Amino acid sequence: MRFTPPYEGKAFQWYLKSAEGGNHTGQNNLGNCYDEGIGTIKDEGKAFQWYLKSAEGGNHMGQNNLGCCYDEGIGTIKDEGKAFQWYLKSAEGGNHMGQNNLGYSEGGNHTGQKNLGNCYDEGIGTIKDGGKAFQWYLKSAEGGNCKGQLNLGYCYENGIGTIKDEEKAFHWYLKSAEGGDHMGQNNLGYCYENGIGTIKDEEKAFHWCLKSAEGGDHMGQNNLGYRYYNGIGTIKDEGKAFQWYLKSAEGGNHMGQNNLGHCYRYGIGITKDEEKAFQWFLKSAEGGEKFGQSLVEYFYRNEISHVKKSKNKLEHQCINCENLNQLNNTCSDCKLIEKPKWTSGNCDVDNIIQITQLDENANEWEIWKWIDYSKLINIEYLAEGGFGSIWKAEWIDMPEETFEFYKSKQVALKKLKNSQEISSEFLKELTANFQCRDKYVLPILGITQDSMTKEYAIVLRHMKNGNLRDFLDQNKSLPWIERLWLLNSFIRGLKVIHSKGFIHRDIHPGNLMITEIPNNSKYKFIRLGDLGLYYSKLINIEYLAEGGFGSIWKAEWIDMPEETFEFYKSKQVALKKLKNSQEISSEFLKELTANFQCRDKYVLPILGITQDSMTKEYAIVLRHMKNGNLRDFLDQNKSLPWIERLWLLNSFIRGLKVIHSKGFIHRDIHPGNLMITEIPNNSKYKFIRLGDLGLCVLPYIAPEVLNKYQYSQASDIYSVGIIMWVISTGKKPFANRAYDSELAVDIFNGLRPKTNKDTPQCYIELMELCWHKDPSKRPSAETIYDISEDWIIDFLYDKKSANFLMFLNAKQKLNDLDDEDLSFPETTHPEAYITSKLLPSDFNKLHIDDLNFDGRKI
């Protein structure tokens, strides 16, 4: 603490005369004038020179201030060694001119003694020595220096250089506080609040905290905000809490910045603003505050700041009334809708695309497009499925908003076999996808049509990280926190689907697509996938895979609308080409409508619909997810940490929540439908988009569905349980068996995958509840989401809860498991298929009702 005398009028001139006359006290005071800019222009170089003259002349305050200059690099090069030496001279020296008003007393300069104590305490210019620090703090404190009293109290409270003594700590904090030290007042308030060295008294705690805050101590301001927020020692007042957090944050206190972010995030004492919340969390994190760092990770994983920015950028003016709106040239008041300049050639497809375009709640990147097949280039075949084939492509004219959001023009094409005519059933699926749009449900970007075959293809984001099955195969020792993130994101997607009243019906690892958090590829989450554009605009079409519905293709949408390209940053799309879809059924249209209704960050969006010009089959055009699905991602990340697995689970469940909240059922939840997505601008973070509402892979089918196909939201939850098993082990369920009627009977009779003994018990209990034989006993997507969210919060805040300790102690032995069911060879049974297929016809011949259903686990 530097000496600051009571300057008035022409005091500077008199100090100058005194200093030039050789008075060392005057030289110190003149240095202080130059240091603080009092009565003259601030000049740190001159301040240093006058402090030096004063110090060399024996003035102990000058020696202390010179030490400060060397300590902080004021007017000279920083030199902690010299700082220590001058603090030592100041502390040991005696000045017989009397006390100075900033800590000088008869036995020596107590400010110097306090600073010397700091040197020993923190190892500045000397070896760190708690004992010596304590001794100099003691000298300073006994001499009346408030900072010395504060630091001596801290030594007694924490046992630094002395025996821990809370009563003495309280005593010295009290002296410091009564002497006017604002940090001492804050610490005294803490003692009263927690009963440290005194009787607990919340009103006195508030009183001293208020003095500290009003005196400008930023930690005290943060603590006062905390007391107003919780009503500790005063009446609860969220408005005042916000104001004091604001003062603390603007003053640079990192805990205050974190708490201010909390206020903006939840609208405490201020209007909710997630973008401002993120910025304050970021400041807190950059300052080293661990809670701020955890929340920045949470925001990155959930793309909160990214989505906010994107929405702000997508405001346009109505060309009629000039009111702001999110859809270009569209105004809900005027009902002025730009007349489409496109057509699929099928009025049903056109209608469903227009439904997405007229939805006032849909973001620009969620709106489907009819994608001309010629606009899809670099089309590559990926895989075949029961539905058709999967292809990867680049959507060259992806709308700007879509590219801006997804940062890629890569898309996947789910090309449907024999889909030259789109059925009503197919359109129903598309509708369900839109209704379930969510971050955690794989989005459809549009629909296209192969100009040669005339088959339609759904264009989706291309998930470069693959699906859950692939991801776990590649990350066998994935930490539990990463597995929990995967589970959490998967459940988020399922929550979306169930909340819409839908059932997925085909939940398996191949439908759980691994997604990276934008700008941070370290973090992954799951998009729940698998729930149509004129083909000449789709180029570079490549076959990706075959499925029960048809085929998946990748292509580039060369005339992707500017807004869509801006959002997704890529013209690459995926085409989901539907078998025998030359005529679109009303059922298909219903599916399309459901997709639109479920549009969400966690639900894979449809960009449009197209039709193969040769086969006349229709195809749904979706974003091409370059990260692939959950299966691929887990194959490539076998040692994925548990926090990452939890993030993936969390994002998957978010997407399912959207679908269920709309009253839909997914019916086809498996790793291949969970698309891995990166957070924009941060490939470290991954999440899952839930896609493809359709057929199912056998091990993921609920027992009751095997009995008369009784689909329900609870049957989706059964699939969630199997997905949880996949996330925890990285394995394929029952891979050593054929996926046939015999396995179906065993599943109905209670066969479940064997759990890994190193899996946390809390995780096992939730997983087994999800695959319970009684559908009424299974939890909802909402419940699973809440539980997985709690697990993740425990990780973020390092809470030593029983569940957190289970995850912390969980040993990953994914490459060397003892359990027979988990140690199957790399080569799996040739009939253990991983793509969605119709249930075998011989299932109808089984007398499942007469079979034993005792819930045994083999």
Foldseek 3Di string as FASTA:
>chain_A
DAAADDDDDVVLVVLVVCLVVQNLVSLQNNLVCLCVVPPHRNDQLSSLVSLVSSVVVPDLSSLQVNLVCLCPVGNHDNDQQSSLVSLVSQAQDADPPAAGPQQAHGRGRLSSLQVNLVCLCVVRSHDNAQQSSLVSLVVSLVSQHLSSLQVNLVCLCVVRSHDNDQLSSLVSLVSSLVVPDLVSLQVNLVCLCVVRSHDNDQLSSLVSLVSSLVVQNLVSLQVNLVCLCVVGNHDNDQLSSLVSLVSSLVVPNLVSLQVNLVCLCVVRSHDNDNLSSLVSLVSSVVVPNLLSVLVNVVCLQQVVNVVVVLQVVQWFAQPPPGDTARAPNADPVVRGDDDDPDDQPDVLQVVLLVVLNPPRPDHPLQRADAFAQQQWAQKAAAAAALQAAKIKTWRAQAALQQQQAAQARIAMKQFGALQLAAALQQLLQLLLLLLQFALAAFAFLAKAAAQAQQFIIAWAAAAQQAFQQLQQLQAQQAAQLLLLLLQLLLLLLLLLLLLLLAALQFFALLLWAWAARAQAQQAIAWQFAQLHHHSSQWHSKHRRHHHSFGGKMKIFRRSRHRSSSSSSSIRIIMKSTGRSSSRRHSSSSSSSSSSSSSRGSSRRHRSHKHTRSRSSRIIRRGRRSSSHHSSSSSSSRSSRRSSSSSSHSSSSSSSSSSSSSSSGRSSRRGRSSIRWHHRHSHSSHIHTRRHRRDFYQQLLAALVCLVVHPTGSLRSLLSSLLVSQCSQQSDHAPQADASALVVSLVVNQAEDQDHAPLQQPVSVVLSCQSNPNDSVSHDGSVVSSVVSVVQSVCVSVVPPDPRVVSSVRRGRPSPPGPDPRSPDDPDGDPNSDDHGHDHDPCSVVDPSVPGHRPNDYD
